[in-house]
Amino acid sequence: MTYKTILLVVGIPQFQSDVRAVADLCATGNVHLSVLPIKIDTLPPMRDFSANFGPWGYDRTSEIEELAEVVKRAREMLSGLGISFDVVGRYAESMWLEHEVGERAWYADIALIGPSLKSDERLRRGVIEGALFHSARPVLLASNLQSVTLQPRRILLAWNSSVESARAAREALDMMREAERVNVVMVDPKAASATNGEETGDGVASYLARHGIAVTLDRLPGGGRAIAEVLNQHALETAAELIVMGAYGHSRVRERVFGGVTKAMIDAPVMPVMMVR
């Protein structure tokens, strides 16, 4: 699909670089930029709780004022750039954080999450899970938003015969049509079910080819390495500009407890990664 609205979720520290990078991206593609500065509520340490918790609850005034200042500065940054934008801040309680992010992402084509959230892992994790589980939109993560492009020339599609990877392939069709090369990558491919036989990847390769996409099918041995490590290394070797993958192929509870490919790619993206749930 053609992206017309990008949601950029930013934290309080170092938000300026994220906003500038995505503003340039939107200006190039004539895309509306929706910025969501977000701060998660911070309760006082338990030893100080009784002293700080008055009849109206914990005083969050300074945190809310800090968020309001970021909203103001972000609007000032964008107002002279000639792009369509909106900036709405959210001060979210922990239990509602995921829903707040998900609802804002309903009105965008894709949610971008950059380095400004890395200083608060609790906030970053909640934002990512909110975007993945409550929006039905793809999420694009990058350690450097200046490396993000909406027209990548080389794409790596991670394929594991799951519903999530099929959705990811469908979501990225427009990007893959415009790309010079698409590598469909399987690591230690196995049968999708007991009756399907060995997974060869021919099905997804044929599907993409019918859309006019130039596909190279790569079946890679894991060799005892983590799947995320194999994917990242192959992405670097093929000079990919974007990794596309399904997120949370196992149950959410199992993924949270044991980690997995999704968690590894979230924790340390070596290049922009688009995840689809």
Protein backbone atom coordinates (compact mmCIF):
# COMPACT_ATOMS: atom_id res chain seq x y z
CA MET A 1 0.00 0.00 0.00
CA THR A 2 1.01 3.62 -0.40
CA TYR A 3 1.69 5.25 2.94
CA LYS A 4 -0.11 8.56 3.43
CA THR A 5 0.10 8.87 7.23
CA ILE A 6 3.04 7.97 9.46
CA LEU A 7 2.73 7.80 13.23
CA LEU A 8 6.00 8.63 14.98
CA VAL A 9 6.09 7.75 18.67
CA VAL A 10 8.78 9.63 20.58
CA GLY A 11 10.01 9.81 24.14
CA ILE A 12 10.98 12.95 26.02
CA PRO A 13 14.80 12.82 25.75
CA GLN A 14 16.36 13.40 22.34
CA PHE A 15 13.03 13.55 20.51
CA GLN A 16 14.29 16.25 18.15
CA SER A 17 16.46 13.97 16.02
CA ASP A 18 13.60 11.49 15.53
CA VAL A 19 11.21 14.26 14.50
CA ARG A 20 13.68 15.84 12.07
CA ALA A 21 14.50 12.55 10.37
CA VAL A 22 10.89 11.51 9.86
CA ALA A 23 9.88 15.02 8.79
CA ASP A 24 12.41 14.76 5.95
CA LEU A 25 11.00 11.34 5.07
CA CYS A 26 7.45 12.71 4.95
CA ALA A 27 8.48 15.74 2.92
CA THR A 28 10.03 13.49 0.28
CA GLY A 29 6.93 11.32 -0.03
CA ASN A 30 4.23 13.94 0.60
CA VAL A 31 3.12 12.02 3.69
CA HIS A 32 1.23 13.35 6.73
CA LEU A 33 3.28 13.09 9.93
CA SER A 34 1.45 12.38 13.17
CA VAL A 35 3.76 12.75 16.16
CA LEU A 36 2.93 11.14 19.50
CA PRO A 37 5.21 12.34 22.31
CA ILE A 38 4.47 10.00 25.17
CA LYS A 39 5.47 9.70 28.79
CA ILE A 40 4.56 6.89 31.12
CA ASP A 41 3.50 7.71 34.66
CA THR A 42 6.21 7.50 37.29
CA LEU A 43 5.22 6.57 40.82
CA PRO A 44 7.46 7.51 43.76
CA PRO A 45 9.61 4.86 45.44
CA MET A 46 7.62 2.86 47.99
CA ARG A 47 9.52 4.38 50.90
CA ASP A 48 8.40 7.83 49.75
CA PHE A 49 4.89 6.83 48.71
CA SER A 50 3.05 7.94 51.83
CA ALA A 51 4.81 11.29 51.83
CA ASN A 52 4.05 12.03 48.18
CA PHE A 53 0.60 10.52 47.92
CA GLY A 54 -1.80 13.25 48.96
CA PRO A 55 -5.61 13.30 48.91
CA TRP A 56 -5.62 13.85 45.13
CA GLY A 57 -3.00 11.25 44.31
CA TYR A 58 0.65 11.44 43.32
CA ASP A 59 1.64 14.85 42.01
CA ARG A 60 2.43 14.40 38.31
CA THR A 61 2.40 18.11 37.50
CA SER A 62 6.09 18.41 36.61
CA GLU A 63 5.96 15.37 34.30
CA ILE A 64 2.85 16.64 32.52
CA GLU A 65 4.43 20.06 32.10
CA GLU A 66 7.56 18.46 30.67
CA LEU A 67 5.44 16.57 28.14
CA ALA A 68 3.54 19.76 27.20
CA GLU A 69 6.86 21.50 26.52
CA VAL A 70 7.92 18.70 24.18
CA VAL A 71 4.62 18.96 22.29
CA LYS A 72 5.12 22.70 21.92
CA ARG A 73 8.70 22.35 20.69
CA ALA A 74 7.80 19.60 18.23
CA ARG A 75 5.07 21.78 16.71
CA GLU A 76 7.50 24.66 16.42
CA MET A 77 10.04 22.41 14.68
CA LEU A 78 7.50 21.21 12.12
CA SER A 79 5.57 24.40 11.50
CA GLY A 80 8.11 25.87 9.07
CA LEU A 81 8.83 22.73 7.04
CA GLY A 82 5.84 22.86 4.72
CA ILE A 83 4.57 19.38 5.57
CA SER A 84 1.20 18.21 6.85
CA PHE A 85 1.47 17.26 10.53
CA ASP A 86 -0.18 17.01 13.91
CA VAL A 87 1.36 16.62 17.36
CA VAL A 88 -0.65 15.23 20.27
CA GLY A 89 1.01 14.27 23.56
CA ARG A 90 -0.11 11.50 25.87
CA TYR A 91 0.65 11.04 29.55
CA ALA A 92 -0.23 7.39 29.94
CA GLU A 93 -0.75 5.21 32.97
CA SER A 94 1.09 1.91 32.75
CA MET A 95 -2.02 -0.24 32.38
CA TRP A 96 -3.39 1.88 29.52
CA LEU A 97 -0.18 2.59 27.63
CA GLU A 98 -0.59 -0.13 25.01
CA HIS A 99 -4.18 0.89 24.28
CA GLU A 100 -3.27 4.57 23.97
CA VAL A 101 -0.60 3.79 21.39
CA GLY A 102 -2.75 1.30 19.53
CA GLU A 103 -5.66 3.69 19.18
CA ARG A 104 -3.46 6.45 17.77
CA ALA A 105 -1.98 3.98 15.28
CA TRP A 106 -5.48 3.17 13.94
CA TYR A 107 -5.34 6.45 12.05
CA ALA A 108 -1.94 5.88 10.47
CA ASP A 109 -0.60 3.50 7.85
CA ILE A 110 2.51 2.58 9.81
CA ALA A 111 4.01 3.33 13.23
CA LEU A 112 7.67 4.34 13.47
CA ILE A 113 9.68 3.82 16.65
CA GLY A 114 13.16 5.27 16.83
CA PRO A 115 16.00 5.75 19.32
CA SER A 116 14.31 8.43 21.45
CA LEU A 117 12.51 5.65 23.37
CA LYS A 118 15.65 3.65 24.13
CA SER A 119 16.38 5.50 27.36
CA ASP A 120 13.23 4.03 28.96
CA GLU A 121 12.96 0.31 28.24
CA ARG A 122 9.64 0.00 30.10
CA LEU A 123 8.11 2.70 27.92
CA ARG A 124 9.65 1.36 24.70
CA ARG A 125 8.40 -2.16 25.32
CA GLY A 126 4.89 -0.93 26.05
CA VAL A 127 4.83 1.26 22.95
CA ILE A 128 5.98 -1.58 20.69
CA GLU A 129 3.50 -4.06 22.11
CA GLY A 130 0.72 -1.48 21.87
CA ALA A 131 1.46 -0.82 18.22
CA LEU A 132 1.77 -4.52 17.39
CA PHE A 133 -1.19 -5.90 19.33
CA HIS A 134 -3.72 -3.07 19.38
CA SER A 135 -3.49 -1.34 16.02
CA ALA A 136 -3.56 -3.88 13.15
CA ARG A 137 -0.81 -1.75 11.60
CA PRO A 138 2.81 -2.54 10.77
CA VAL A 139 5.53 -1.27 13.06
CA LEU A 140 8.87 -0.05 11.80
CA LEU A 141 11.78 0.01 14.23
CA ALA A 142 15.14 1.61 13.61
CA SER A 143 18.14 2.50 15.75
CA ASN A 144 18.69 5.43 13.38
CA LEU A 145 15.63 6.90 11.68
CA GLN A 146 17.81 8.63 9.09
CA SER A 147 18.38 5.18 7.59
CA VAL A 148 14.65 4.64 7.01
CA THR A 149 13.25 4.87 3.50
CA LEU A 150 9.76 4.18 2.18
CA GLN A 151 11.31 3.04 -1.11
CA PRO A 152 13.99 0.50 -0.16
CA ARG A 153 15.93 -0.89 -3.11
CA ARG A 154 16.80 -4.20 -1.44
CA ILE A 155 14.45 -6.00 0.97
CA LEU A 156 14.85 -9.13 3.05
CA LEU A 157 11.56 -10.91 3.74
CA ALA A 158 11.86 -13.39 6.62
CA TRP A 159 9.58 -16.34 5.86
CA ASN A 160 8.59 -19.12 8.26
CA SER A 161 5.22 -20.29 6.87
CA SER A 162 3.27 -18.52 9.62
CA VAL A 163 0.16 -16.38 9.41
CA GLU A 164 2.25 -13.45 10.62
CA SER A 165 4.85 -13.83 7.87
CA ALA A 166 2.07 -14.09 5.26
CA ARG A 167 0.58 -10.84 6.56
CA ALA A 168 4.01 -9.22 6.45
CA ALA A 169 4.46 -10.26 2.82
CA ARG A 170 1.07 -8.82 1.92
CA GLU A 171 1.71 -5.57 3.80
CA ALA A 172 5.02 -5.01 2.05
CA LEU A 173 3.83 -5.81 -1.48
CA ASP A 174 4.01 -2.24 -2.76
CA MET A 175 7.50 -1.76 -1.37
CA MET A 176 8.67 -5.05 -2.85
CA ARG A 177 7.23 -4.22 -6.29
CA GLU A 178 9.38 -1.09 -6.40
CA ALA A 179 12.50 -2.76 -5.02
CA GLU A 180 15.41 -3.88 -7.18
CA ARG A 181 15.77 -7.15 -5.30
CA VAL A 182 13.84 -9.10 -2.69
CA ASN A 183 15.47 -11.95 -0.81
CA VAL A 184 12.96 -14.35 0.73
CA VAL A 185 14.90 -15.96 3.57
CA MET A 186 14.14 -19.16 5.45
CA VAL A 187 16.32 -20.43 8.27
CA ASP A 188 16.30 -24.21 8.74
CA PRO A 189 12.98 -24.51 6.86
CA LYS A 190 10.61 -27.18 8.13
CA ALA A 191 7.19 -28.45 7.19
CA ALA A 192 4.37 -26.01 7.85
CA SER A 193 2.19 -28.90 9.05
CA ALA A 194 2.32 -32.66 9.28
CA THR A 195 0.70 -33.02 5.85
CA ASN A 196 2.40 -30.30 3.85
CA GLY A 197 5.77 -31.92 3.40
CA GLU A 198 9.02 -30.00 3.42
CA GLU A 199 8.70 -26.21 3.20
CA THR A 200 10.53 -25.13 0.07
CA GLY A 201 9.43 -21.50 -0.10
CA ASP A 202 8.29 -21.98 -3.68
CA GLY A 203 4.74 -21.00 -2.77
CA VAL A 204 5.57 -17.55 -1.45
CA ALA A 205 8.16 -17.00 -4.20
CA SER A 206 5.53 -17.76 -6.87
CA TYR A 207 2.99 -15.53 -5.14
CA LEU A 208 5.40 -12.58 -5.13
CA ALA A 209 6.53 -13.25 -8.70
CA ARG A 210 2.92 -12.99 -9.89
CA HIS A 211 2.96 -9.46 -8.49
CA GLY A 212 5.95 -8.63 -10.66
CA ILE A 213 8.48 -8.88 -7.82
CA ALA A 214 12.01 -10.07 -8.54
CA VAL A 215 12.58 -12.74 -5.89
CA THR A 216 15.66 -14.64 -4.75
CA LEU A 217 14.88 -17.56 -2.47
CA ASP A 218 17.51 -18.19 0.21
CA ARG A 219 17.30 -21.32 2.39
CA LEU A 220 19.88 -20.87 5.11
CA PRO A 221 21.21 -23.34 7.68
CA GLY A 222 21.13 -22.10 11.23
CA GLY A 223 24.29 -23.96 12.23
CA GLY A 224 23.37 -23.63 15.89
CA ARG A 225 23.09 -19.85 15.71
CA ALA A 226 20.04 -17.87 16.75
CA ILE A 227 17.63 -17.20 13.89
CA ALA A 228 17.84 -13.44 14.46
CA GLU A 229 21.61 -13.59 14.11
CA VAL A 230 21.32 -15.48 10.81
CA LEU A 231 18.75 -13.01 9.46
CA ASN A 232 20.78 -9.96 10.47
CA GLN A 233 23.99 -11.34 9.00
CA HIS A 234 22.31 -12.22 5.71
CA ALA A 235 20.68 -8.79 5.56
CA LEU A 236 24.10 -7.19 5.88
CA GLU A 237 25.65 -9.53 3.30
CA THR A 238 22.91 -8.75 0.76
CA ALA A 239 23.04 -5.00 1.49
CA ALA A 240 19.36 -4.99 2.45
CA GLU A 241 17.82 -1.66 3.42
CA LEU A 242 14.81 -3.19 5.16
CA ILE A 243 13.93 -6.44 6.93
CA VAL A 244 10.25 -7.42 6.75
CA MET A 245 8.98 -10.06 9.15
CA GLY A 246 5.99 -11.35 11.04
CA ALA A 247 5.98 -10.75 14.78
CA TYR A 248 5.30 -13.18 17.62
CA GLY A 249 4.84 -16.43 15.76
CA HIS A 250 4.30 -18.27 19.05
CA SER A 251 1.70 -17.39 21.64
CA ARG A 252 2.22 -14.02 23.28
CA VAL A 253 2.74 -15.53 26.72
CA ARG A 254 5.34 -18.00 25.46
CA GLU A 255 7.14 -15.25 23.54
CA ARG A 256 7.26 -13.03 26.61
CA VAL A 257 8.65 -15.79 28.80
CA PHE A 258 11.18 -17.32 26.42
CA GLY A 259 11.97 -14.45 24.11
CA GLY A 260 12.41 -15.46 20.50
CA VAL A 261 13.19 -14.00 17.11
CA THR A 262 10.80 -11.08 17.60
CA LYS A 263 12.37 -10.03 20.88
CA ALA A 264 15.89 -10.32 19.51
CA MET A 265 15.07 -8.15 16.50
CA ILE A 266 13.30 -5.60 18.70
CA ASP A 267 16.15 -5.39 21.18
CA ALA A 268 18.93 -4.78 18.66
CA PRO A 269 17.82 -3.94 15.10
CA VAL A 270 20.90 -3.72 12.89
CA MET A 271 18.82 -1.96 10.21
CA PRO A 272 15.20 -0.86 9.83
CA VAL A 273 12.84 -3.75 10.61
CA MET A 274 9.16 -3.74 9.66
CA MET A 275 7.10 -6.08 11.83
CA VAL A 276 3.54 -7.17 11.15
CA ARG A 277 1.33 -9.02 13.59
